[in-house]
Amino acid sequence: MSQQKVDQKKLDKKNRRSTLRKKKIEEVLSLAVVSIIGIAILVWVGFSVYTKVQTSAEENATYEYFDIDTAAIQDYISTLN
């Protein structure tokens, strides 16, 4: 091996700990950024779907009210007592 290669190996061995630490930090940061972006996209899609469902439910809502005559039930209950 040439002296240059030997010197390079020594330098690499000397700086191995800091190099590995830098790589781990880069991996963690990239994973965190990708996770944050993914969560943001999921929240955005979920909120969009929720608002669409709410507006369509409000547009399609029909309320019907019925008057119920409970006189017959009241008469039946009063005969039981």
N, C-alpha and C. Protein backbone atom coordinates (compact mmCIF):
# COMPACT_ATOMS: atom_id res chain seq x y z
N MET A 1 0.83 -1.17 0.00
CA MET A 1 0.00 0.00 0.00
C MET A 1 0.89 1.24 0.00
N SER A 2 0.37 2.23 -0.65
CA SER A 2 1.14 3.47 -0.69
C SER A 2 0.99 4.21 0.62
N GLN A 3 1.89 5.10 0.86
CA GLN A 3 1.87 5.88 2.10
C GLN A 3 0.61 6.74 2.19
N GLN A 4 0.14 7.19 1.07
CA GLN A 4 -1.07 8.02 1.05
C GLN A 4 -2.28 7.23 1.54
N LYS A 5 -2.39 5.98 1.10
CA LYS A 5 -3.51 5.14 1.53
C LYS A 5 -3.42 4.83 3.03
N VAL A 6 -2.21 4.59 3.50
CA VAL A 6 -2.00 4.31 4.92
C VAL A 6 -2.40 5.53 5.76
N ASP A 7 -1.99 6.69 5.31
CA ASP A 7 -2.34 7.91 6.03
C ASP A 7 -3.85 8.14 6.03
N GLN A 8 -4.47 7.85 4.89
CA GLN A 8 -5.93 8.02 4.79
C GLN A 8 -6.65 7.07 5.73
N LYS A 9 -6.18 5.82 5.83
CA LYS A 9 -6.81 4.85 6.75
C LYS A 9 -6.65 5.29 8.19
N LYS A 10 -5.48 5.80 8.54
CA LYS A 10 -5.25 6.29 9.89
C LYS A 10 -6.19 7.45 10.21
N LEU A 11 -6.34 8.35 9.27
CA LEU A 11 -7.22 9.50 9.46
C LEU A 11 -8.67 9.06 9.60
N ASP A 12 -9.06 8.11 8.76
CA ASP A 12 -10.43 7.58 8.84
C ASP A 12 -10.68 6.91 10.19
N LYS A 13 -9.70 6.14 10.65
CA LYS A 13 -9.85 5.45 11.92
C LYS A 13 -9.92 6.45 13.07
N LYS A 14 -9.16 7.51 12.97
CA LYS A 14 -9.14 8.54 14.01
C LYS A 14 -10.47 9.28 14.07
N ASN A 15 -11.08 9.53 12.92
CA ASN A 15 -12.32 10.30 12.85
C ASN A 15 -13.57 9.43 12.73
N ARG A 16 -13.44 8.14 12.97
CA ARG A 16 -14.56 7.22 12.77
C ARG A 16 -15.72 7.56 13.71
N ARG A 17 -15.44 7.85 14.95
CA ARG A 17 -16.50 8.12 15.92
C ARG A 17 -17.32 9.36 15.53
N SER A 18 -16.65 10.42 15.15
CA SER A 18 -17.38 11.64 14.77
C SER A 18 -18.12 11.44 13.45
N THR A 19 -17.54 10.67 12.55
CA THR A 19 -18.21 10.40 11.27
C THR A 19 -19.48 9.59 11.49
N LEU A 20 -19.41 8.57 12.34
CA LEU A 20 -20.59 7.75 12.63
C LEU A 20 -21.65 8.58 13.34
N ARG A 21 -21.23 9.44 14.26
CA ARG A 21 -22.18 10.30 14.97
C ARG A 21 -22.90 11.24 14.01
N LYS A 22 -22.16 11.81 13.07
CA LYS A 22 -22.76 12.70 12.07
C LYS A 22 -23.77 11.95 11.21
N LYS A 23 -23.41 10.72 10.81
CA LYS A 23 -24.34 9.93 9.99
C LYS A 23 -25.61 9.59 10.76
N LYS A 24 -25.48 9.25 12.05
CA LYS A 24 -26.66 8.94 12.85
C LYS A 24 -27.54 10.17 13.00
N ILE A 25 -26.92 11.31 13.23
CA ILE A 25 -27.69 12.55 13.37
C ILE A 25 -28.43 12.86 12.07
N GLU A 26 -27.77 12.68 10.94
CA GLU A 26 -28.42 12.92 9.65
C GLU A 26 -29.59 11.97 9.44
N GLU A 27 -29.42 10.70 9.81
CA GLU A 27 -30.50 9.72 9.65
C GLU A 27 -31.70 10.08 10.53
N VAL A 28 -31.44 10.46 11.77
CA VAL A 28 -32.52 10.81 12.69
C VAL A 28 -33.25 12.06 12.20
N LEU A 29 -32.49 13.05 11.77
CA LEU A 29 -33.12 14.28 11.28
C LEU A 29 -33.95 14.02 10.02
N SER A 30 -33.42 13.22 9.11
CA SER A 30 -34.18 12.94 7.89
C SER A 30 -35.45 12.16 8.22
N LEU A 31 -35.36 11.22 9.16
CA LEU A 31 -36.54 10.47 9.57
C LEU A 31 -37.57 11.38 10.24
N ALA A 32 -37.10 12.31 11.05
CA ALA A 32 -38.01 13.24 11.72
C ALA A 32 -38.70 14.15 10.70
N VAL A 33 -37.95 14.65 9.74
CA VAL A 33 -38.54 15.54 8.73
C VAL A 33 -39.57 14.79 7.89
N VAL A 34 -39.24 13.58 7.48
CA VAL A 34 -40.19 12.79 6.69
C VAL A 34 -41.44 12.48 7.51
N SER A 35 -41.26 12.17 8.78
CA SER A 35 -42.41 11.88 9.64
C SER A 35 -43.30 13.11 9.80
N ILE A 36 -42.70 14.26 10.02
CA ILE A 36 -43.48 15.49 10.18
C ILE A 36 -44.24 15.82 8.91
N ILE A 37 -43.60 15.65 7.77
CA ILE A 37 -44.27 15.92 6.49
C ILE A 37 -45.42 14.94 6.29
N GLY A 38 -45.20 13.67 6.60
CA GLY A 38 -46.25 12.66 6.46
C GLY A 38 -47.44 12.93 7.36
N ILE A 39 -47.16 13.30 8.59
CA ILE A 39 -48.25 13.61 9.53
C ILE A 39 -49.01 14.85 9.07
N ALA A 40 -48.28 15.84 8.56
CA ALA A 40 -48.94 17.06 8.07
C ALA A 40 -49.87 16.74 6.90
N ILE A 41 -49.43 15.87 6.02
CA ILE A 41 -50.27 15.50 4.87
C ILE A 41 -51.51 14.75 5.35
N LEU A 42 -51.34 13.83 6.29
CA LEU A 42 -52.48 13.09 6.81
C LEU A 42 -53.49 14.01 7.50
N VAL A 43 -53.00 14.95 8.28
CA VAL A 43 -53.89 15.89 8.95
C VAL A 43 -54.63 16.74 7.94
N TRP A 44 -53.93 17.19 6.92
CA TRP A 44 -54.55 18.02 5.89
C TRP A 44 -55.65 17.25 5.16
N VAL A 45 -55.37 16.00 4.77
CA VAL A 45 -56.36 15.19 4.08
C VAL A 45 -57.55 14.92 5.00
N GLY A 46 -57.28 14.58 6.24
CA GLY A 46 -58.36 14.31 7.19
C GLY A 46 -59.24 15.52 7.42
N PHE A 47 -58.64 16.68 7.55
CA PHE A 47 -59.41 17.90 7.76
C PHE A 47 -60.24 18.24 6.52
N SER A 48 -59.66 18.03 5.33
CA SER A 48 -60.41 18.30 4.11
C SER A 48 -61.63 17.40 3.99
N VAL A 49 -61.44 16.13 4.28
CA VAL A 49 -62.56 15.18 4.22
C VAL A 49 -63.60 15.55 5.26
N TYR A 50 -63.18 15.90 6.45
CA TYR A 50 -64.11 16.26 7.52
C TYR A 50 -64.93 17.48 7.13
N THR A 51 -64.31 18.51 6.58
CA THR A 51 -65.06 19.71 6.21
C THR A 51 -66.03 19.41 5.07
N LYS A 52 -65.62 18.56 4.11
CA LYS A 52 -66.53 18.22 3.02
C LYS A 52 -67.74 17.45 3.54
N VAL A 53 -67.51 16.54 4.45
CA VAL A 53 -68.61 15.76 5.01
C VAL A 53 -69.55 16.66 5.80
N GLN A 54 -68.99 17.58 6.56
CA GLN A 54 -69.83 18.48 7.35
C GLN A 54 -70.67 19.39 6.47
N THR A 55 -70.09 19.93 5.41
CA THR A 55 -70.86 20.83 4.54
C THR A 55 -71.92 20.06 3.77
N SER A 56 -71.59 18.85 3.32
CA SER A 56 -72.61 18.08 2.60
C SER A 56 -73.71 17.63 3.53
N ALA A 57 -73.38 17.34 4.77
CA ALA A 57 -74.41 16.95 5.74
C ALA A 57 -75.34 18.12 6.04
N GLU A 58 -74.78 19.31 6.11
CA GLU A 58 -75.62 20.49 6.37
C GLU A 58 -76.52 20.80 5.17
N GLU A 59 -76.01 20.59 3.96
CA GLU A 59 -76.80 20.86 2.77
C GLU A 59 -77.92 19.85 2.59
N ASN A 60 -77.66 18.62 2.94
CA ASN A 60 -78.64 17.55 2.73
C ASN A 60 -79.54 17.30 3.93
N ALA A 61 -79.37 18.06 4.97
CA ALA A 61 -80.16 17.83 6.18
C ALA A 61 -81.58 18.33 5.98
N THR A 62 -82.51 17.44 6.22
CA THR A 62 -83.92 17.82 6.20
C THR A 62 -84.51 17.44 7.55
N TYR A 63 -85.20 18.36 8.13
CA TYR A 63 -85.78 18.14 9.44
C TYR A 63 -87.29 18.07 9.29
N GLU A 64 -87.85 16.97 9.79
CA GLU A 64 -89.29 16.80 9.77
C GLU A 64 -89.75 16.63 11.22
N TYR A 65 -90.75 17.39 11.57
CA TYR A 65 -91.29 17.32 12.92
C TYR A 65 -92.71 16.79 12.85
N PHE A 66 -93.01 15.88 13.75
CA PHE A 66 -94.34 15.29 13.80
C PHE A 66 -94.95 15.58 15.16
N ASP A 67 -96.22 15.95 15.14
CA ASP A 67 -96.94 16.13 16.39
C ASP A 67 -97.59 14.81 16.75
N ILE A 68 -97.34 14.39 17.96
CA ILE A 68 -97.88 13.10 18.41
C ILE A 68 -98.95 13.38 19.46
N ASP A 69 -100.09 12.75 19.25
CA ASP A 69 -101.18 12.88 20.21
C ASP A 69 -101.05 11.74 21.23
N THR A 70 -100.76 12.08 22.44
CA THR A 70 -100.53 11.07 23.48
C THR A 70 -101.75 10.88 24.38
N ALA A 71 -102.89 11.35 23.94
CA ALA A 71 -104.10 11.24 24.77
C ALA A 71 -104.47 9.78 24.98
N ALA A 72 -104.35 8.95 23.95
CA ALA A 72 -104.71 7.55 24.09
C ALA A 72 -103.78 6.84 25.07
N ILE A 73 -102.52 7.17 25.05
CA ILE A 73 -101.58 6.55 25.98
C ILE A 73 -101.87 7.01 27.40
N GLN A 74 -102.16 8.28 27.57
CA GLN A 74 -102.48 8.79 28.90
C GLN A 74 -103.74 8.14 29.47
N ASP A 75 -104.73 7.92 28.60
CA ASP A 75 -105.96 7.26 29.05
C ASP A 75 -105.67 5.84 29.47
N TYR A 76 -104.85 5.14 28.74
CA TYR A 76 -104.49 3.75 29.06
C TYR A 76 -103.74 3.69 30.38
N ILE A 77 -102.79 4.59 30.58
CA ILE A 77 -102.02 4.59 31.82
C ILE A 77 -102.92 4.95 33.01
N SER A 78 -103.86 5.85 32.83
CA SER A 78 -104.74 6.21 33.94
C SER A 78 -105.68 5.07 34.31
N THR A 79 -106.04 4.22 33.34
CA THR A 79 -106.89 3.07 33.68
C THR A 79 -106.12 2.00 34.41
N LEU A 80 -104.82 1.94 34.28
CA LEU A 80 -104.00 0.94 34.99
C LEU A 80 -103.90 1.26 36.47
N ASN A 81 -103.98 2.51 36.83
CA ASN A 81 -103.82 2.92 38.24
C ASN A 81 -105.09 2.77 38.96
